[in-house]
Amino acid sequence: MAIDHGYLSLAEFKEAIDDTMSVGDNNALYERAIETASRQIDDFRGDQFWKSSNPTARWFRPDHPRMLWTGDIATTDSLAVKIDTLGDGTFATTWATSDWQAEPLVRRNGRPYTRLIATGSKCFPMGCWRASVEITATWGWPNVPIQVKQACQILAIDHFRSRELTGGVASFGDAGPIRVSAFNPIARALLQELEL
């Protein structure tokens, strides 16, 4: 199994669990744990921290004439804005790069752009049930944040070790069974640090 858009490499995972001598016996289990943890992070945050390899189109229905929330855009290189002015599902009008501005203007710690502002006399078309704006962009974050890599490591180790659990019980202590949390609280705290 190959890791698809994982937030941790196989080598990083093996180093974290101190399995630098393995010749591959557990690699499939490790890769599955990394992939599971990576998708769990995406689902938890509703974000895509990996950067898409090519620009792709997404469609939007604006709720403000001057501002459009887009989701995470890694770069404005190759970003294109097309408008459906007639409400017929045809995005026939292409805006120049001077017709929009990507924000936030100051992106701390490598954060992505998350909205476009219509500039000059331009406005995003509203009032139609159809999507009226097509954005073609490289989606995701410019680089995977260190908090995401660390959370992925924690969750991947939890997933790998979960095969040893019985009924969610990790071990037994003086007060009875020690249960495993559904989502590691340390990983949760790391991901919540990324709130904009």
N, C-alpha and C. Protein backbone atom coordinates (compact mmCIF):
# COMPACT_ATOMS: atom_id res chain seq x y z
N MET A 1 0.85 -1.18 0.00
CA MET A 1 0.00 0.00 0.00
C MET A 1 0.90 1.24 0.00
N ALA A 2 0.65 2.13 -0.92
CA ALA A 2 1.39 3.39 -0.95
C ALA A 2 0.63 4.44 -0.15
N ILE A 3 1.37 5.33 0.48
CA ILE A 3 0.76 6.42 1.25
C ILE A 3 0.37 7.52 0.27
N ASP A 4 -0.91 7.91 0.29
CA ASP A 4 -1.42 8.95 -0.60
C ASP A 4 -1.66 10.23 0.20
N HIS A 5 -0.82 11.23 -0.02
CA HIS A 5 -0.93 12.52 0.69
C HIS A 5 -0.81 12.35 2.20
N GLY A 6 0.13 11.54 2.62
CA GLY A 6 0.37 11.36 4.05
C GLY A 6 1.13 12.54 4.64
N TYR A 7 0.92 12.79 5.90
CA TYR A 7 1.59 13.89 6.59
C TYR A 7 2.85 13.44 7.32
N LEU A 8 3.20 12.20 7.11
CA LEU A 8 4.39 11.62 7.71
C LEU A 8 4.93 10.60 6.73
N SER A 9 6.23 10.53 6.58
CA SER A 9 6.81 9.53 5.69
C SER A 9 6.98 8.21 6.44
N LEU A 10 7.16 7.15 5.70
CA LEU A 10 7.39 5.84 6.31
C LEU A 10 8.66 5.88 7.16
N ALA A 11 9.71 6.52 6.66
CA ALA A 11 10.98 6.61 7.41
C ALA A 11 10.78 7.38 8.72
N GLU A 12 10.01 8.47 8.69
CA GLU A 12 9.75 9.25 9.90
C GLU A 12 8.97 8.43 10.92
N PHE A 13 8.00 7.65 10.44
CA PHE A 13 7.22 6.81 11.35
C PHE A 13 8.10 5.74 11.99
N LYS A 14 8.92 5.10 11.17
CA LYS A 14 9.80 4.05 11.70
C LYS A 14 10.78 4.61 12.72
N GLU A 15 11.25 5.82 12.48
CA GLU A 15 12.14 6.45 13.45
C GLU A 15 11.40 6.74 14.74
N ALA A 16 10.14 7.17 14.64
CA ALA A 16 9.35 7.52 15.82
C ALA A 16 9.08 6.30 16.70
N ILE A 17 8.90 5.14 16.09
CA ILE A 17 8.65 3.94 16.89
C ILE A 17 9.92 3.12 17.09
N ASP A 18 11.05 3.69 16.69
CA ASP A 18 12.36 3.06 16.86
C ASP A 18 12.44 1.72 16.13
N ASP A 19 12.00 1.72 14.89
CA ASP A 19 12.07 0.52 14.05
C ASP A 19 12.95 0.83 12.83
N THR A 20 14.18 1.20 13.09
CA THR A 20 15.09 1.55 11.99
C THR A 20 15.75 0.33 11.38
N MET A 21 15.61 -0.82 12.02
CA MET A 21 16.27 -2.03 11.52
C MET A 21 15.34 -2.93 10.71
N SER A 22 14.05 -2.63 10.69
CA SER A 22 13.09 -3.48 9.98
C SER A 22 13.38 -3.51 8.49
N VAL A 23 13.25 -4.69 7.91
CA VAL A 23 13.48 -4.83 6.47
C VAL A 23 12.18 -4.80 5.69
N GLY A 24 11.09 -4.42 6.31
CA GLY A 24 9.85 -4.26 5.56
C GLY A 24 8.71 -5.13 6.00
N ASP A 25 8.90 -5.96 7.04
CA ASP A 25 7.83 -6.87 7.46
C ASP A 25 6.55 -6.13 7.84
N ASN A 26 6.71 -4.97 8.48
CA ASN A 26 5.54 -4.23 8.97
C ASN A 26 5.21 -3.01 8.13
N ASN A 27 5.89 -2.82 7.01
CA ASN A 27 5.70 -1.59 6.24
C ASN A 27 4.25 -1.36 5.84
N ALA A 28 3.54 -2.40 5.44
CA ALA A 28 2.14 -2.24 5.02
C ALA A 28 1.28 -1.76 6.19
N LEU A 29 1.55 -2.30 7.40
CA LEU A 29 0.81 -1.86 8.59
C LEU A 29 1.15 -0.42 8.93
N TYR A 30 2.42 -0.05 8.81
CA TYR A 30 2.84 1.32 9.08
C TYR A 30 2.19 2.29 8.10
N GLU A 31 2.21 1.93 6.83
CA GLU A 31 1.63 2.81 5.80
C GLU A 31 0.13 3.00 6.02
N ARG A 32 -0.55 1.92 6.39
CA ARG A 32 -1.99 2.02 6.65
C ARG A 32 -2.25 2.93 7.86
N ALA A 33 -1.42 2.84 8.89
CA ALA A 33 -1.58 3.70 10.07
C ALA A 33 -1.35 5.17 9.71
N ILE A 34 -0.34 5.43 8.88
CA ILE A 34 -0.06 6.82 8.45
C ILE A 34 -1.20 7.36 7.61
N GLU A 35 -1.67 6.56 6.67
CA GLU A 35 -2.77 7.00 5.79
C GLU A 35 -4.04 7.26 6.61
N THR A 36 -4.35 6.37 7.54
CA THR A 36 -5.53 6.54 8.39
C THR A 36 -5.42 7.80 9.23
N ALA A 37 -4.27 8.03 9.83
CA ALA A 37 -4.07 9.22 10.65
C ALA A 37 -4.17 10.49 9.81
N SER A 38 -3.62 10.47 8.61
CA SER A 38 -3.66 11.65 7.73
C SER A 38 -5.09 12.01 7.35
N ARG A 39 -5.89 11.02 6.98
CA ARG A 39 -7.27 11.29 6.61
C ARG A 39 -8.11 11.67 7.84
N GLN A 40 -7.78 11.12 8.99
CA GLN A 40 -8.47 11.50 10.22
C GLN A 40 -8.23 12.98 10.53
N ILE A 41 -7.02 13.45 10.29
CA ILE A 41 -6.70 14.86 10.49
C ILE A 41 -7.50 15.72 9.52
N ASP A 42 -7.54 15.32 8.24
CA ASP A 42 -8.33 16.07 7.25
C ASP A 42 -9.79 16.17 7.68
N ASP A 43 -10.35 15.06 8.11
CA ASP A 43 -11.76 15.04 8.52
C ASP A 43 -11.99 15.87 9.78
N PHE A 44 -11.08 15.78 10.72
CA PHE A 44 -11.22 16.53 11.98
C PHE A 44 -11.19 18.03 11.73
N ARG A 45 -10.28 18.47 10.88
CA ARG A 45 -10.11 19.90 10.64
C ARG A 45 -10.96 20.43 9.48
N GLY A 46 -11.37 19.57 8.57
CA GLY A 46 -12.07 20.05 7.38
C GLY A 46 -11.13 20.78 6.45
N ASP A 47 -9.86 20.49 6.57
CA ASP A 47 -8.81 21.13 5.76
C ASP A 47 -8.07 20.08 4.95
N GLN A 48 -7.37 20.56 3.96
CA GLN A 48 -6.47 19.72 3.16
C GLN A 48 -5.09 20.33 3.35
N PHE A 49 -4.26 19.71 4.15
CA PHE A 49 -2.95 20.28 4.43
C PHE A 49 -1.93 19.95 3.35
N TRP A 50 -2.20 18.97 2.53
CA TRP A 50 -1.31 18.67 1.41
C TRP A 50 -1.66 19.59 0.24
N LYS A 51 -0.65 19.93 -0.53
CA LYS A 51 -0.84 20.83 -1.66
C LYS A 51 -1.13 20.01 -2.91
N SER A 52 -2.20 20.36 -3.63
CA SER A 52 -2.51 19.65 -4.86
C SER A 52 -1.39 19.86 -5.88
N SER A 53 -1.16 18.85 -6.69
CA SER A 53 -0.02 18.92 -7.62
C SER A 53 -0.33 19.80 -8.83
N ASN A 54 -1.59 19.93 -9.19
CA ASN A 54 -1.98 20.75 -10.35
C ASN A 54 -3.18 21.61 -9.98
N PRO A 55 -3.30 22.79 -10.59
CA PRO A 55 -4.50 23.60 -10.35
C PRO A 55 -5.76 22.89 -10.86
N THR A 56 -6.80 22.94 -10.06
CA THR A 56 -8.09 22.36 -10.44
C THR A 56 -9.19 23.37 -10.15
N ALA A 57 -10.33 23.19 -10.81
CA ALA A 57 -11.45 24.13 -10.66
C ALA A 57 -12.39 23.69 -9.54
N ARG A 58 -12.89 24.68 -8.81
CA ARG A 58 -13.96 24.49 -7.83
C ARG A 58 -14.97 25.61 -8.04
N TRP A 59 -16.22 25.34 -7.65
CA TRP A 59 -17.30 26.28 -7.92
C TRP A 59 -17.90 26.79 -6.62
N PHE A 60 -18.32 28.05 -6.65
CA PHE A 60 -18.78 28.73 -5.45
C PHE A 60 -20.03 29.55 -5.72
N ARG A 61 -20.87 29.67 -4.69
CA ARG A 61 -22.02 30.55 -4.70
C ARG A 61 -21.77 31.62 -3.64
N PRO A 62 -21.37 32.82 -4.04
CA PRO A 62 -21.01 33.86 -3.07
C PRO A 62 -22.20 34.29 -2.21
N ASP A 63 -21.89 34.67 -0.97
CA ASP A 63 -22.93 35.25 -0.11
C ASP A 63 -22.58 36.70 0.24
N HIS A 64 -21.59 37.24 -0.44
CA HIS A 64 -21.21 38.65 -0.27
C HIS A 64 -20.70 39.15 -1.63
N PRO A 65 -21.08 40.34 -2.04
CA PRO A 65 -20.68 40.81 -3.37
C PRO A 65 -19.19 41.14 -3.50
N ARG A 66 -18.51 41.37 -2.38
CA ARG A 66 -17.10 41.79 -2.47
C ARG A 66 -16.12 40.78 -1.90
N MET A 67 -16.62 39.75 -1.18
CA MET A 67 -15.72 38.79 -0.55
C MET A 67 -16.22 37.37 -0.77
N LEU A 68 -15.29 36.48 -1.10
CA LEU A 68 -15.63 35.08 -1.36
C LEU A 68 -14.70 34.19 -0.55
N TRP A 69 -15.28 33.42 0.38
CA TRP A 69 -14.50 32.42 1.12
C TRP A 69 -14.25 31.25 0.19
N THR A 70 -12.99 30.88 0.04
CA THR A 70 -12.62 29.88 -0.96
C THR A 70 -12.16 28.56 -0.39
N GLY A 71 -11.83 28.51 0.86
CA GLY A 71 -11.09 27.35 1.37
C GLY A 71 -9.62 27.62 1.15
N ASP A 72 -8.79 26.64 1.43
CA ASP A 72 -7.35 26.82 1.43
C ASP A 72 -6.75 26.83 0.03
N ILE A 73 -6.06 27.92 -0.30
CA ILE A 73 -5.35 28.06 -1.57
C ILE A 73 -3.87 28.20 -1.25
N ALA A 74 -3.05 27.29 -1.78
CA ALA A 74 -1.63 27.26 -1.45
C ALA A 74 -0.85 28.42 -2.05
N THR A 75 -1.20 28.81 -3.27
CA THR A 75 -0.46 29.85 -3.97
C THR A 75 -1.38 30.55 -4.97
N THR A 76 -1.05 31.79 -5.29
CA THR A 76 -1.83 32.50 -6.31
C THR A 76 -1.27 32.27 -7.71
N ASP A 77 -0.16 31.56 -7.82
CA ASP A 77 0.36 31.20 -9.14
C ASP A 77 -0.70 30.36 -9.86
N SER A 78 -1.01 30.70 -11.06
CA SER A 78 -2.00 29.99 -11.89
C SER A 78 -3.43 30.10 -11.36
N LEU A 79 -3.69 30.98 -10.41
CA LEU A 79 -5.05 31.14 -9.91
C LEU A 79 -5.87 31.90 -10.95
N ALA A 80 -7.05 31.37 -11.27
CA ALA A 80 -7.93 32.00 -12.27
C ALA A 80 -9.34 32.12 -11.71
N VAL A 81 -9.97 33.25 -11.97
CA VAL A 81 -11.34 33.51 -11.51
C VAL A 81 -12.21 33.71 -12.74
N LYS A 82 -13.27 32.88 -12.84
CA LYS A 82 -14.24 33.01 -13.93
C LYS A 82 -15.62 33.20 -13.32
N ILE A 83 -16.43 34.01 -14.00
CA ILE A 83 -17.74 34.39 -13.49
C ILE A 83 -18.84 33.96 -14.46
N ASP A 84 -19.94 33.48 -13.89
CA ASP A 84 -21.15 33.18 -14.66
C ASP A 84 -22.10 34.37 -14.47
N THR A 85 -22.08 35.31 -15.41
CA THR A 85 -22.88 36.53 -15.28
C THR A 85 -24.35 36.32 -15.65
N LEU A 86 -24.66 35.28 -16.43
CA LEU A 86 -26.03 35.06 -16.89
C LEU A 86 -26.79 34.04 -16.05
N GLY A 87 -26.11 33.36 -15.14
CA GLY A 87 -26.77 32.33 -14.34
C GLY A 87 -27.14 31.10 -15.12
N ASP A 88 -26.41 30.83 -16.20
CA ASP A 88 -26.73 29.67 -17.05
C ASP A 88 -25.74 28.52 -16.90
N GLY A 89 -24.82 28.63 -15.92
CA GLY A 89 -23.85 27.56 -15.69
C GLY A 89 -22.63 27.65 -16.58
N THR A 90 -22.51 28.74 -17.34
CA THR A 90 -21.35 28.95 -18.21
C THR A 90 -20.49 30.06 -17.62
N PHE A 91 -19.25 29.74 -17.32
CA PHE A 91 -18.34 30.71 -16.71
C PHE A 91 -17.56 31.39 -17.83
N ALA A 92 -18.21 32.35 -18.48
CA ALA A 92 -17.69 32.94 -19.71
C ALA A 92 -16.81 34.16 -19.48
N THR A 93 -16.90 34.76 -18.30
CA THR A 93 -16.14 35.99 -18.04
C THR A 93 -14.95 35.68 -17.15
N THR A 94 -13.76 35.93 -17.66
CA THR A 94 -12.54 35.71 -16.88
C THR A 94 -12.06 37.04 -16.32
N TRP A 95 -11.85 37.07 -15.01
CA TRP A 95 -11.34 38.29 -14.39
C TRP A 95 -9.83 38.37 -14.54
N ALA A 96 -9.33 39.58 -14.70
CA ALA A 96 -7.89 39.82 -14.70
C ALA A 96 -7.38 39.70 -13.26
N THR A 97 -6.08 39.50 -13.11
CA THR A 97 -5.52 39.39 -11.75
C THR A 97 -5.69 40.69 -10.96
N SER A 98 -5.89 41.80 -11.66
CA SER A 98 -6.12 43.08 -10.97
C SER A 98 -7.56 43.22 -10.47
N ASP A 99 -8.44 42.27 -10.83
CA ASP A 99 -9.85 42.33 -10.42
C ASP A 99 -10.10 41.66 -9.07
N TRP A 100 -9.11 40.97 -8.54
CA TRP A 100 -9.26 40.28 -7.27
C TRP A 100 -7.97 40.36 -6.46
N GLN A 101 -8.12 40.15 -5.17
CA GLN A 101 -6.97 40.12 -4.26
C GLN A 101 -7.14 38.94 -3.32
N ALA A 102 -6.10 38.12 -3.19
CA ALA A 102 -6.14 36.98 -2.27
C ALA A 102 -5.79 37.45 -0.87
N GLU A 103 -6.50 36.93 0.12
CA GLU A 103 -6.24 37.27 1.51
C GLU A 103 -6.23 36.01 2.36
N PRO A 104 -5.64 36.06 3.55
CA PRO A 104 -5.14 37.25 4.23
C PRO A 104 -3.85 37.77 3.61
N LEU A 105 -3.66 39.08 3.72
CA LEU A 105 -2.47 39.70 3.16
C LEU A 105 -1.22 39.24 3.89
N VAL A 106 -1.33 39.10 5.21
CA VAL A 106 -0.22 38.59 6.02
C VAL A 106 -0.58 37.17 6.43
N ARG A 107 0.18 36.23 5.92
CA ARG A 107 -0.08 34.82 6.23
C ARG A 107 1.04 34.33 7.14
N ARG A 108 0.75 34.27 8.42
CA ARG A 108 1.80 33.85 9.33
C ARG A 108 1.97 32.33 9.33
N ASN A 109 3.18 31.91 9.57
CA ASN A 109 3.53 30.49 9.68
C ASN A 109 3.11 29.67 8.46
N GLY A 110 3.22 30.26 7.27
CA GLY A 110 2.96 29.51 6.05
C GLY A 110 1.52 29.13 5.82
N ARG A 111 0.60 29.89 6.36
CA ARG A 111 -0.81 29.58 6.17
C ARG A 111 -1.25 29.86 4.73
N PRO A 112 -2.34 29.26 4.31
CA PRO A 112 -2.82 29.47 2.94
C PRO A 112 -3.67 30.73 2.82
N TYR A 113 -3.98 31.09 1.58
CA TYR A 113 -5.01 32.09 1.32
C TYR A 113 -6.36 31.41 1.55
N THR A 114 -7.34 32.17 2.05
CA THR A 114 -8.64 31.56 2.35
C THR A 114 -9.83 32.32 1.75
N ARG A 115 -9.57 33.48 1.13
CA ARG A 115 -10.67 34.25 0.56
C ARG A 115 -10.14 35.15 -0.55
N LEU A 116 -11.06 35.53 -1.43
CA LEU A 116 -10.76 36.50 -2.48
C LEU A 116 -11.62 37.73 -2.28
N ILE A 117 -11.03 38.89 -2.53
CA ILE A 117 -11.74 40.16 -2.45
C ILE A 117 -11.87 40.70 -3.86
N ALA A 118 -13.08 41.08 -4.26
CA ALA A 118 -13.28 41.73 -5.55
C ALA A 118 -12.78 43.16 -5.44
N THR A 119 -11.98 43.59 -6.41
CA THR A 119 -11.39 44.93 -6.34
C THR A 119 -12.00 45.84 -7.40
N GLY A 120 -11.73 47.14 -7.26
CA GLY A 120 -12.24 48.11 -8.23
C GLY A 120 -13.75 48.09 -8.26
N SER A 121 -14.30 48.04 -9.46
CA SER A 121 -15.76 48.05 -9.62
C SER A 121 -16.34 46.63 -9.71
N LYS A 122 -15.50 45.62 -9.57
CA LYS A 122 -15.97 44.24 -9.69
C LYS A 122 -16.75 43.80 -8.45
N CYS A 123 -17.74 42.94 -8.69
CA CYS A 123 -18.51 42.31 -7.62
C CYS A 123 -18.77 40.86 -8.01
N PHE A 124 -18.81 40.00 -7.00
CA PHE A 124 -19.17 38.61 -7.26
C PHE A 124 -20.69 38.55 -7.48
N PRO A 125 -21.14 37.84 -8.52
CA PRO A 125 -22.59 37.76 -8.77
C PRO A 125 -23.30 36.96 -7.69
N MET A 126 -24.43 37.49 -7.25
CA MET A 126 -25.20 36.84 -6.19
C MET A 126 -26.65 36.70 -6.62
N GLY A 127 -27.41 35.96 -5.81
CA GLY A 127 -28.85 35.87 -6.02
C GLY A 127 -29.28 34.73 -6.92
N CYS A 128 -28.36 33.88 -7.29
CA CYS A 128 -28.69 32.74 -8.16
C CYS A 128 -28.46 31.46 -7.36
N TRP A 129 -29.30 30.46 -7.61
CA TRP A 129 -29.13 29.19 -6.92
C TRP A 129 -27.91 28.44 -7.44
N ARG A 130 -27.53 28.75 -8.66
CA ARG A 130 -26.35 28.11 -9.24
C ARG A 130 -25.07 28.71 -8.67
N ALA A 131 -24.01 27.93 -8.74
CA ALA A 131 -22.69 28.50 -8.45
C ALA A 131 -22.40 29.53 -9.53
N SER A 132 -21.87 30.67 -9.13
CA SER A 132 -21.64 31.74 -10.11
C SER A 132 -20.17 32.11 -10.25
N VAL A 133 -19.30 31.46 -9.47
CA VAL A 133 -17.87 31.74 -9.54
C VAL A 133 -17.11 30.42 -9.66
N GLU A 134 -16.19 30.39 -10.60
CA GLU A 134 -15.30 29.24 -10.76
C GLU A 134 -13.88 29.70 -10.42
N ILE A 135 -13.27 29.03 -9.46
CA ILE A 135 -11.88 29.33 -9.08
C ILE A 135 -11.03 28.13 -9.48
N THR A 136 -10.00 28.38 -10.25
CA THR A 136 -9.02 27.35 -10.56
C THR A 136 -7.75 27.71 -9.80
N ALA A 137 -7.32 26.80 -8.94
CA ALA A 137 -6.19 27.11 -8.06
C ALA A 137 -5.46 25.84 -7.65
N THR A 138 -4.31 26.04 -7.05
CA THR A 138 -3.59 24.97 -6.38
C THR A 138 -4.08 24.97 -4.94
N TRP A 139 -4.85 23.96 -4.59
CA TRP A 139 -5.54 23.92 -3.30
C TRP A 139 -4.66 23.30 -2.23
N GLY A 140 -4.92 23.65 -0.99
CA GLY A 140 -4.19 23.11 0.15
C GLY A 140 -3.32 24.15 0.82
N TRP A 141 -2.40 23.69 1.63
CA TRP A 141 -1.46 24.56 2.32
C TRP A 141 -0.14 24.55 1.56
N PRO A 142 0.62 25.65 1.61
CA PRO A 142 1.91 25.68 0.91
C PRO A 142 2.85 24.57 1.40
N ASN A 143 2.88 24.35 2.70
CA ASN A 143 3.68 23.29 3.32
C ASN A 143 2.90 22.71 4.49
N VAL A 144 3.15 21.46 4.78
CA VAL A 144 2.47 20.82 5.90
C VAL A 144 3.02 21.41 7.20
N PRO A 145 2.15 22.00 8.05
CA PRO A 145 2.62 22.57 9.31
C PRO A 145 3.21 21.51 10.23
N ILE A 146 4.17 21.92 11.05
CA ILE A 146 4.82 20.98 11.96
C ILE A 146 3.82 20.39 12.95
N GLN A 147 2.79 21.17 13.33
CA GLN A 147 1.77 20.64 14.25
C GLN A 147 1.03 19.47 13.62
N VAL A 148 0.80 19.54 12.31
CA VAL A 148 0.09 18.47 11.61
C VAL A 148 0.98 17.23 11.54
N LYS A 149 2.27 17.43 11.25
CA LYS A 149 3.19 16.28 11.22
C LYS A 149 3.25 15.59 12.57
N GLN A 150 3.32 16.39 13.64
CA GLN A 150 3.40 15.81 14.98
C GLN A 150 2.09 15.10 15.34
N ALA A 151 0.96 15.73 15.04
CA ALA A 151 -0.34 15.08 15.30
C ALA A 151 -0.47 13.79 14.51
N CYS A 152 0.01 13.80 13.27
CA CYS A 152 -0.05 12.58 12.44
C CYS A 152 0.80 11.48 13.06
N GLN A 153 1.98 11.84 13.57
CA GLN A 153 2.84 10.85 14.21
C GLN A 153 2.13 10.22 15.41
N ILE A 154 1.54 11.06 16.26
CA ILE A 154 0.84 10.57 17.45
C ILE A 154 -0.31 9.65 17.06
N LEU A 155 -1.15 10.11 16.11
CA LEU A 155 -2.31 9.31 15.70
C LEU A 155 -1.90 8.03 14.98
N ALA A 156 -0.86 8.10 14.14
CA ALA A 156 -0.42 6.91 13.42
C ALA A 156 0.10 5.85 14.39
N ILE A 157 0.83 6.28 15.41
CA ILE A 157 1.30 5.33 16.42
C ILE A 157 0.11 4.72 17.15
N ASP A 158 -0.88 5.56 17.50
CA ASP A 158 -2.09 5.04 18.14
C ASP A 158 -2.78 4.01 17.25
N HIS A 159 -2.91 4.32 15.95
CA HIS A 159 -3.57 3.37 15.03
C HIS A 159 -2.77 2.09 14.89
N PHE A 160 -1.48 2.20 14.79
CA PHE A 160 -0.64 1.00 14.66
C PHE A 160 -0.76 0.12 15.91
N ARG A 161 -0.74 0.74 17.06
CA ARG A 161 -0.79 -0.02 18.31
C ARG A 161 -2.20 -0.49 18.65
N SER A 162 -3.22 0.04 17.97
CA SER A 162 -4.60 -0.33 18.28
C SER A 162 -4.88 -1.80 17.96
N ARG A 163 -4.05 -2.40 17.14
CA ARG A 163 -4.25 -3.82 16.83
C ARG A 163 -4.02 -4.71 18.05
N GLU A 164 -3.37 -4.13 19.09
CA GLU A 164 -3.10 -4.87 20.32
C GLU A 164 -4.21 -4.68 21.36
N LEU A 165 -5.19 -3.82 21.06
CA LEU A 165 -6.24 -3.50 22.03
C LEU A 165 -7.39 -4.50 21.95
N THR A 166 -8.05 -4.68 23.07
CA THR A 166 -9.25 -5.49 23.13
C THR A 166 -10.36 -4.64 23.71
N GLY A 167 -11.36 -4.34 22.90
CA GLY A 167 -12.49 -3.54 23.36
C GLY A 167 -12.10 -2.14 23.79
N GLY A 168 -11.05 -1.57 23.19
CA GLY A 168 -10.63 -0.22 23.52
C GLY A 168 -9.83 -0.12 24.81
N VAL A 169 -9.46 -1.26 25.40
CA VAL A 169 -8.70 -1.28 26.65
C VAL A 169 -7.22 -1.46 26.33
N ALA A 170 -6.39 -0.50 26.79
CA ALA A 170 -4.95 -0.57 26.54
C ALA A 170 -4.26 -1.43 27.59
N SER A 171 -4.69 -1.29 28.83
CA SER A 171 -4.11 -2.08 29.92
C SER A 171 -5.02 -1.95 31.14
N PHE A 172 -4.61 -2.58 32.22
CA PHE A 172 -5.38 -2.51 33.46
C PHE A 172 -4.52 -1.86 34.53
N GLY A 173 -5.09 -0.89 35.23
CA GLY A 173 -4.40 -0.21 36.33
C GLY A 173 -5.06 -0.53 37.64
N ASP A 174 -4.65 0.17 38.69
CA ASP A 174 -5.22 -0.06 40.02
C ASP A 174 -6.71 0.22 40.06
N ALA A 175 -7.17 1.17 39.23
CA ALA A 175 -8.59 1.56 39.23
C ALA A 175 -9.39 0.81 38.16
N GLY A 176 -8.79 -0.15 37.50
CA GLY A 176 -9.50 -0.91 36.49
C GLY A 176 -8.92 -0.69 35.10
N PRO A 177 -9.73 -0.91 34.07
CA PRO A 177 -9.21 -0.83 32.70
C PRO A 177 -8.85 0.61 32.30
N ILE A 178 -7.75 0.73 31.57
CA ILE A 178 -7.34 2.01 31.01
C ILE A 178 -7.76 2.01 29.54
N ARG A 179 -8.70 2.88 29.21
CA ARG A 179 -9.26 2.91 27.87
C ARG A 179 -8.55 3.93 27.00
N VAL A 180 -8.55 3.69 25.71
CA VAL A 180 -7.93 4.58 24.75
C VAL A 180 -8.97 5.57 24.24
N SER A 181 -8.60 6.85 24.19
CA SER A 181 -9.49 7.89 23.68
C SER A 181 -9.69 7.70 22.17
N ALA A 182 -10.87 8.07 21.67
CA ALA A 182 -11.14 7.93 20.24
C ALA A 182 -10.25 8.85 19.42
N PHE A 183 -9.91 10.01 19.96
CA PHE A 183 -9.02 10.95 19.25
C PHE A 183 -8.05 11.48 20.29
N ASN A 184 -6.80 11.18 20.11
CA ASN A 184 -5.77 11.52 21.08
C ASN A 184 -5.85 13.00 21.45
N PRO A 185 -5.96 13.33 22.74
CA PRO A 185 -6.11 14.73 23.16
C PRO A 185 -4.89 15.60 22.83
N ILE A 186 -3.70 15.02 22.80
CA ILE A 186 -2.51 15.80 22.44
C ILE A 186 -2.56 16.17 20.96
N ALA A 187 -2.94 15.21 20.12
CA ALA A 187 -3.09 15.49 18.69
C ALA A 187 -4.18 16.53 18.47
N ARG A 188 -5.28 16.41 19.20
CA ARG A 188 -6.38 17.38 19.09
C ARG A 188 -5.88 18.79 19.43
N ALA A 189 -5.12 18.93 20.51
CA ALA A 189 -4.61 20.23 20.93
C ALA A 189 -3.67 20.81 19.87
N LEU A 190 -2.82 19.98 19.28
CA LEU A 190 -1.90 20.45 18.24
C LEU A 190 -2.68 20.98 17.04
N LEU A 191 -3.72 20.28 16.63
CA LEU A 191 -4.51 20.69 15.46
C LEU A 191 -5.34 21.93 15.76
N GLN A 192 -5.79 22.07 16.99
CA GLN A 192 -6.57 23.25 17.34
C GLN A 192 -5.70 24.51 17.39
N GLU A 193 -4.39 24.35 17.53
CA GLU A 193 -3.48 25.50 17.47
C GLU A 193 -3.53 26.19 16.11
N LEU A 194 -3.95 25.46 15.10
CA LEU A 194 -3.94 25.99 13.73
C LEU A 194 -5.18 26.79 13.38
N GLU A 195 -6.10 26.96 14.33
CA GLU A 195 -7.29 27.74 14.05
C GLU A 195 -6.90 29.13 13.59
N LEU A 196 -7.55 29.61 12.53
CA LEU A 196 -7.24 30.93 12.00
C LEU A 196 -7.85 32.02 12.85
